[in-house]
Amino acid sequence: MSADTPRRIVLLRHAKAEWSETSDHERPLAERGRKDAPVAGRWLAGAGITPDLTLCSTSARTRETWKLAVHELPQRPKTVYEERIYEASLGELIALLNETSDDVTDLMLVGHNPGVHALADALSGDAEGDLLPKMNRSGFPTASLAVLSFSGSWKSLEHGVGRLVAYWTPHE
């Protein structure tokens, strides 16, 4: 694939988690989260989005979100559980995406706020209609999705190179 290949990044914030006595990393999904995660997967399937690769945080809530969402897709993408996503800063998330092989056209990242929202906002140099203000007003709630497009290699991914082409929340 050439360096100007069109690519998509799909960002999914984990679904609603329980506040429990376990460590933050091991918090499971709440009942609402178990309902919202498959709805997010159905939205992806309806939008025709099946990632080539999914990078998913190792936390219990992100793994459970992805497990419920991916069952709604027509095919299961390769999934890598990546511990660096948990509590990652914006710079760390961009650095992680820069490591992606250029064989990957559509990449999904399943993670946490504030990182996922910061990443979507930072990469969005442009947006369809009012999607960017809508996303920023919402605060990127649990089980929300942002889809960004850009052209180039993953190594060239940086602030402002993307276009926010879709933003969805389960409770609009």
C-alpha atoms as a PDB file:
ATOM      1  CA  MET A   1       0.000   0.000   0.000  1.00  0.00           C
ATOM      2  CA  SER A   2       1.216   3.451  -0.778  1.00  0.00           C
ATOM      3  CA  ALA A   3       1.859   6.152   1.770  1.00  0.00           C
ATOM      4  CA  ASP A   4      -1.248   8.058   0.612  1.00  0.00           C
ATOM      5  CA  THR A   5      -3.595   5.126   1.263  1.00  0.00           C
ATOM      6  CA  PRO A   6      -6.894   6.252   2.829  1.00  0.00           C
ATOM      7  CA  ARG A   7      -7.176   4.914   6.383  1.00  0.00           C
ATOM      8  CA  ARG A   8      -9.732   4.899   9.173  1.00  0.00           C
ATOM      9  CA  ILE A   9      -9.332   4.998  12.924  1.00  0.00           C
ATOM     10  CA  VAL A  10     -12.294   3.872  14.993  1.00  0.00           C
ATOM     11  CA  LEU A  11     -12.206   4.899  18.647  1.00  0.00           C
ATOM     12  CA  LEU A  12     -14.503   3.130  21.089  1.00  0.00           C
ATOM     13  CA  ARG A  13     -14.713   4.129  24.726  1.00  0.00           C
ATOM     14  CA  HIS A  14     -15.529   1.187  26.990  1.00  0.00           C
ATOM     15  CA  ALA A  15     -19.157   0.786  28.040  1.00  0.00           C
ATOM     16  CA  LYS A  16     -20.469   1.788  31.482  1.00  0.00           C
ATOM     17  CA  ALA A  17     -18.527   0.063  34.276  1.00  0.00           C
ATOM     18  CA  GLU A  18     -19.494  -0.742  37.842  1.00  0.00           C
ATOM     19  CA  TRP A  19     -17.869   1.007  40.758  1.00  0.00           C
ATOM     20  CA  SER A  20     -16.694  -1.951  42.791  1.00  0.00           C
ATOM     21  CA  GLU A  21     -14.258  -2.945  45.491  1.00  0.00           C
ATOM     22  CA  THR A  22     -11.872  -4.392  42.893  1.00  0.00           C
ATOM     23  CA  SER A  23      -8.945  -2.469  41.456  1.00  0.00           C
ATOM     24  CA  ASP A  24      -9.791   0.070  38.755  1.00  0.00           C
ATOM     25  CA  HIS A  25      -8.178  -2.185  36.135  1.00  0.00           C
ATOM     26  CA  GLU A  26     -10.493  -5.084  37.045  1.00  0.00           C
ATOM     27  CA  ARG A  27     -13.814  -3.178  37.188  1.00  0.00           C
ATOM     28  CA  PRO A  28     -16.501  -5.089  35.236  1.00  0.00           C
ATOM     29  CA  LEU A  29     -19.241  -3.635  33.099  1.00  0.00           C
ATOM     30  CA  ALA A  30     -22.449  -2.511  34.740  1.00  0.00           C
ATOM     31  CA  GLU A  31     -25.793  -3.803  33.456  1.00  0.00           C
ATOM     32  CA  ARG A  32     -26.177  -0.711  31.237  1.00  0.00           C
ATOM     33  CA  GLY A  33     -22.706  -1.346  29.824  1.00  0.00           C
ATOM     34  CA  ARG A  34     -23.592  -4.929  28.952  1.00  0.00           C
ATOM     35  CA  LYS A  35     -26.597  -3.557  27.024  1.00  0.00           C
ATOM     36  CA  ASP A  36     -24.771  -0.672  25.311  1.00  0.00           C
ATOM     37  CA  ALA A  37     -21.701  -2.594  24.072  1.00  0.00           C
ATOM     38  CA  PRO A  38     -23.604  -4.806  21.583  1.00  0.00           C
ATOM     39  CA  VAL A  39     -25.532  -1.727  20.385  1.00  0.00           C
ATOM     40  CA  ALA A  40     -22.176  -0.104  19.565  1.00  0.00           C
ATOM     41  CA  GLY A  41     -21.203  -3.245  17.653  1.00  0.00           C
ATOM     42  CA  ARG A  42     -24.463  -3.120  15.699  1.00  0.00           C
ATOM     43  CA  TRP A  43     -23.808   0.531  14.837  1.00  0.00           C
ATOM     44  CA  LEU A  44     -20.371  -0.438  13.483  1.00  0.00           C
ATOM     45  CA  ALA A  45     -21.854  -3.297  11.445  1.00  0.00           C
ATOM     46  CA  GLY A  46     -24.586  -1.020  10.091  1.00  0.00           C
ATOM     47  CA  ALA A  47     -21.967   1.554   9.100  1.00  0.00           C
ATOM     48  CA  GLY A  48     -20.027  -1.153   7.251  1.00  0.00           C
ATOM     49  CA  ILE A  49     -17.015  -0.851   9.548  1.00  0.00           C
ATOM     50  CA  THR A  50     -15.027  -3.994  10.245  1.00  0.00           C
ATOM     51  CA  PRO A  51     -11.505  -3.129  11.392  1.00  0.00           C
ATOM     52  CA  ASP A  52      -8.466  -5.001  10.110  1.00  0.00           C
ATOM     53  CA  LEU A  53      -6.968  -4.776  13.594  1.00  0.00           C
ATOM     54  CA  THR A  54      -8.311  -3.876  17.027  1.00  0.00           C
ATOM     55  CA  LEU A  55      -6.069  -2.649  19.822  1.00  0.00           C
ATOM     56  CA  CYS A  56      -7.903  -3.121  23.111  1.00  0.00           C
ATOM     57  CA  SER A  57      -6.856  -2.057  26.592  1.00  0.00           C
ATOM     58  CA  THR A  58      -6.234  -4.938  28.987  1.00  0.00           C
ATOM     59  CA  SER A  59      -8.737  -3.659  31.589  1.00  0.00           C
ATOM     60  CA  ALA A  60     -11.716  -5.885  32.347  1.00  0.00           C
ATOM     61  CA  ARG A  61     -14.249  -3.280  31.173  1.00  0.00           C
ATOM     62  CA  THR A  62     -12.601  -2.728  27.781  1.00  0.00           C
ATOM     63  CA  ARG A  63     -12.145  -6.445  27.144  1.00  0.00           C
ATOM     64  CA  GLU A  64     -15.792  -7.094  28.040  1.00  0.00           C
ATOM     65  CA  THR A  65     -16.972  -4.166  25.884  1.00  0.00           C
ATOM     66  CA  TRP A  66     -15.035  -5.483  22.879  1.00  0.00           C
ATOM     67  CA  LYS A  67     -16.200  -9.072  23.431  1.00  0.00           C
ATOM     68  CA  LEU A  68     -19.854  -7.936  23.363  1.00  0.00           C
ATOM     69  CA  ALA A  69     -19.416  -5.488  20.455  1.00  0.00           C
ATOM     70  CA  VAL A  70     -17.385  -7.753  18.160  1.00  0.00           C
ATOM     71  CA  HIS A  71     -20.107 -10.435  18.151  1.00  0.00           C
ATOM     72  CA  GLU A  72     -22.252  -7.995  16.146  1.00  0.00           C
ATOM     73  CA  LEU A  73     -19.684  -7.643  13.337  1.00  0.00           C
ATOM     74  CA  PRO A  74     -19.805  -9.809  10.208  1.00  0.00           C
ATOM     75  CA  GLN A  75     -16.224 -10.965  10.830  1.00  0.00           C
ATOM     76  CA  ARG A  76     -13.906 -10.815  13.810  1.00  0.00           C
ATOM     77  CA  PRO A  77     -10.786  -8.701  13.257  1.00  0.00           C
ATOM     78  CA  LYS A  78      -7.403  -9.574  14.659  1.00  0.00           C
ATOM     79  CA  THR A  79      -7.377  -8.291  18.244  1.00  0.00           C
ATOM     80  CA  VAL A  80      -4.333  -7.320  20.287  1.00  0.00           C
ATOM     81  CA  TYR A  81      -4.806  -6.667  24.001  1.00  0.00           C
ATOM     82  CA  GLU A  82      -2.450  -3.786  24.657  1.00  0.00           C
ATOM     83  CA  GLU A  83      -1.587  -2.845  28.247  1.00  0.00           C
ATOM     84  CA  ARG A  84      -0.160   0.509  27.146  1.00  0.00           C
ATOM     85  CA  ILE A  85      -3.679   1.820  26.364  1.00  0.00           C
ATOM     86  CA  TYR A  86      -4.724   1.705  30.030  1.00  0.00           C
ATOM     87  CA  GLU A  87      -4.094   5.160  31.579  1.00  0.00           C
ATOM     88  CA  ALA A  88      -2.258   6.286  28.413  1.00  0.00           C
ATOM     89  CA  SER A  89      -1.689   9.949  27.708  1.00  0.00           C
ATOM     90  CA  LEU A  90      -2.542  11.501  24.351  1.00  0.00           C
ATOM     91  CA  GLY A  91       1.121  11.348  23.286  1.00  0.00           C
ATOM     92  CA  GLU A  92       1.385   7.694  24.301  1.00  0.00           C
ATOM     93  CA  LEU A  93      -1.736   6.804  22.287  1.00  0.00           C
ATOM     94  CA  ILE A  94      -0.432   8.560  19.171  1.00  0.00           C
ATOM     95  CA  ALA A  95       2.942   6.820  19.589  1.00  0.00           C
ATOM     96  CA  LEU A  96       1.142   3.471  19.846  1.00  0.00           C
ATOM     97  CA  LEU A  97      -0.855   4.155  16.663  1.00  0.00           C
ATOM     98  CA  ASN A  98       2.389   5.194  14.908  1.00  0.00           C
ATOM     99  CA  GLU A  99       3.618   1.597  15.414  1.00  0.00           C
ATOM    100  CA  THR A 100       0.778   0.151  13.291  1.00  0.00           C
ATOM    101  CA  SER A 101       1.806  -1.713  10.153  1.00  0.00           C
ATOM    102  CA  ASP A 102       0.891   0.026   6.912  1.00  0.00           C
ATOM    103  CA  ASP A 103      -0.847  -3.221   5.883  1.00  0.00           C
ATOM    104  CA  VAL A 104      -3.672  -2.098   8.223  1.00  0.00           C
ATOM    105  CA  THR A 105      -6.258   0.155   6.580  1.00  0.00           C
ATOM    106  CA  ASP A 106      -8.942   0.245   9.312  1.00  0.00           C
ATOM    107  CA  LEU A 107      -7.769   0.288  12.927  1.00  0.00           C
ATOM    108  CA  MET A 108      -9.938   0.230  16.034  1.00  0.00           C
ATOM    109  CA  LEU A 109      -8.805   1.281  19.489  1.00  0.00           C
ATOM    110  CA  VAL A 110     -10.904   0.324  22.516  1.00  0.00           C
ATOM    111  CA  GLY A 111      -9.897   2.449  25.470  1.00  0.00           C
ATOM    112  CA  HIS A 112     -10.678   4.930  28.202  1.00  0.00           C
ATOM    113  CA  ASN A 113     -11.350   8.590  28.792  1.00  0.00           C
ATOM    114  CA  PRO A 114      -9.806  11.071  28.943  1.00  0.00           C
ATOM    115  CA  GLY A 115      -7.395   9.498  26.417  1.00  0.00           C
ATOM    116  CA  VAL A 116      -9.910   8.391  23.773  1.00  0.00           C
ATOM    117  CA  HIS A 117     -11.665  11.763  23.696  1.00  0.00           C
ATOM    118  CA  ALA A 118      -8.357  13.645  23.661  1.00  0.00           C
ATOM    119  CA  LEU A 119      -7.133  11.456  20.781  1.00  0.00           C
ATOM    120  CA  ALA A 120     -10.287  12.002  18.710  1.00  0.00           C
ATOM    121  CA  ASP A 121     -10.142  15.746  19.317  1.00  0.00           C
ATOM    122  CA  ALA A 122      -6.400  16.054  18.626  1.00  0.00           C
ATOM    123  CA  LEU A 123      -6.482  14.084  15.384  1.00  0.00           C
ATOM    124  CA  SER A 124      -9.539  15.942  14.043  1.00  0.00           C
ATOM    125  CA  GLY A 125      -8.170  18.745  11.916  1.00  0.00           C
ATOM    126  CA  ASP A 126     -11.498  18.762  10.114  1.00  0.00           C
ATOM    127  CA  ALA A 127     -14.957  17.266  10.608  1.00  0.00           C
ATOM    128  CA  GLU A 128     -18.187  16.523   8.807  1.00  0.00           C
ATOM    129  CA  GLY A 129     -20.902  19.067   9.669  1.00  0.00           C
ATOM    130  CA  ASP A 130     -21.190  19.747  13.392  1.00  0.00           C
ATOM    131  CA  LEU A 131     -19.617  16.452  14.539  1.00  0.00           C
ATOM    132  CA  LEU A 132     -16.605  17.999  16.296  1.00  0.00           C
ATOM    133  CA  PRO A 133     -18.584  20.425  18.500  1.00  0.00           C
ATOM    134  CA  LYS A 134     -21.150  17.651  19.127  1.00  0.00           C
ATOM    135  CA  MET A 135     -18.397  15.270  20.255  1.00  0.00           C
ATOM    136  CA  ASN A 136     -16.745  17.866  22.452  1.00  0.00           C
ATOM    137  CA  ARG A 137     -20.045  18.945  24.054  1.00  0.00           C
ATOM    138  CA  SER A 138     -20.910  15.330  24.865  1.00  0.00           C
ATOM    139  CA  GLY A 139     -17.623  14.604  26.639  1.00  0.00           C
ATOM    140  CA  PHE A 140     -17.394  11.247  24.805  1.00  0.00           C
ATOM    141  CA  PRO A 141     -19.683   9.144  27.051  1.00  0.00           C
ATOM    142  CA  THR A 142     -19.261   5.437  27.669  1.00  0.00           C
ATOM    143  CA  ALA A 143     -19.762   3.148  24.633  1.00  0.00           C
ATOM    144  CA  SER A 144     -19.363   6.108  22.245  1.00  0.00           C
ATOM    145  CA  LEU A 145     -17.616   5.799  18.899  1.00  0.00           C
ATOM    146  CA  ALA A 146     -15.639   8.229  16.765  1.00  0.00           C
ATOM    147  CA  VAL A 147     -14.536   7.411  13.222  1.00  0.00           C
ATOM    148  CA  LEU A 148     -11.699   9.415  11.691  1.00  0.00           C
ATOM    149  CA  SER A 149     -10.171   9.194   8.249  1.00  0.00           C
ATOM    150  CA  PHE A 150      -6.728  10.247   7.096  1.00  0.00           C
ATOM    151  CA  SER A 151      -4.325   9.524   4.252  1.00  0.00           C
ATOM    152  CA  GLY A 152      -0.763   8.447   4.745  1.00  0.00           C
ATOM    153  CA  SER A 153       1.239   5.981   6.738  1.00  0.00           C
ATOM    154  CA  TRP A 154       0.552   5.253  10.396  1.00  0.00           C
ATOM    155  CA  LYS A 155       3.978   6.682  11.166  1.00  0.00           C
ATOM    156  CA  SER A 156       2.772  10.043   9.837  1.00  0.00           C
ATOM    157  CA  LEU A 157      -0.279  10.167  12.128  1.00  0.00           C
ATOM    158  CA  GLU A 158      -0.151  13.356  14.195  1.00  0.00           C
ATOM    159  CA  HIS A 159      -2.300  16.195  15.514  1.00  0.00           C
ATOM    160  CA  GLY A 160      -4.776  17.574  12.992  1.00  0.00           C
ATOM    161  CA  VAL A 161      -4.236  15.110  10.122  1.00  0.00           C
ATOM    162  CA  GLY A 162      -7.611  13.391  10.452  1.00  0.00           C
ATOM    163  CA  ARG A 163     -11.179  14.156   9.511  1.00  0.00           C
ATOM    164  CA  LEU A 164     -13.938  13.217  11.957  1.00  0.00           C
ATOM    165  CA  VAL A 165     -16.421  11.447   9.673  1.00  0.00           C
ATOM    166  CA  ALA A 166     -18.760   9.881  12.263  1.00  0.00           C
ATOM    167  CA  TYR A 167     -19.558  10.225  15.950  1.00  0.00           C
ATOM    168  CA  TRP A 168     -22.131   8.091  17.747  1.00  0.00           C
ATOM    169  CA  THR A 169     -23.286   7.697  21.329  1.00  0.00           C
ATOM    170  CA  PRO A 170     -25.762   5.079  22.569  1.00  0.00           C
ATOM    171  CA  HIS A 171     -27.926   7.577  24.472  1.00  0.00           C
ATOM    172  CA  GLU A 172     -28.404  10.573  22.181  1.00  0.00           C
END
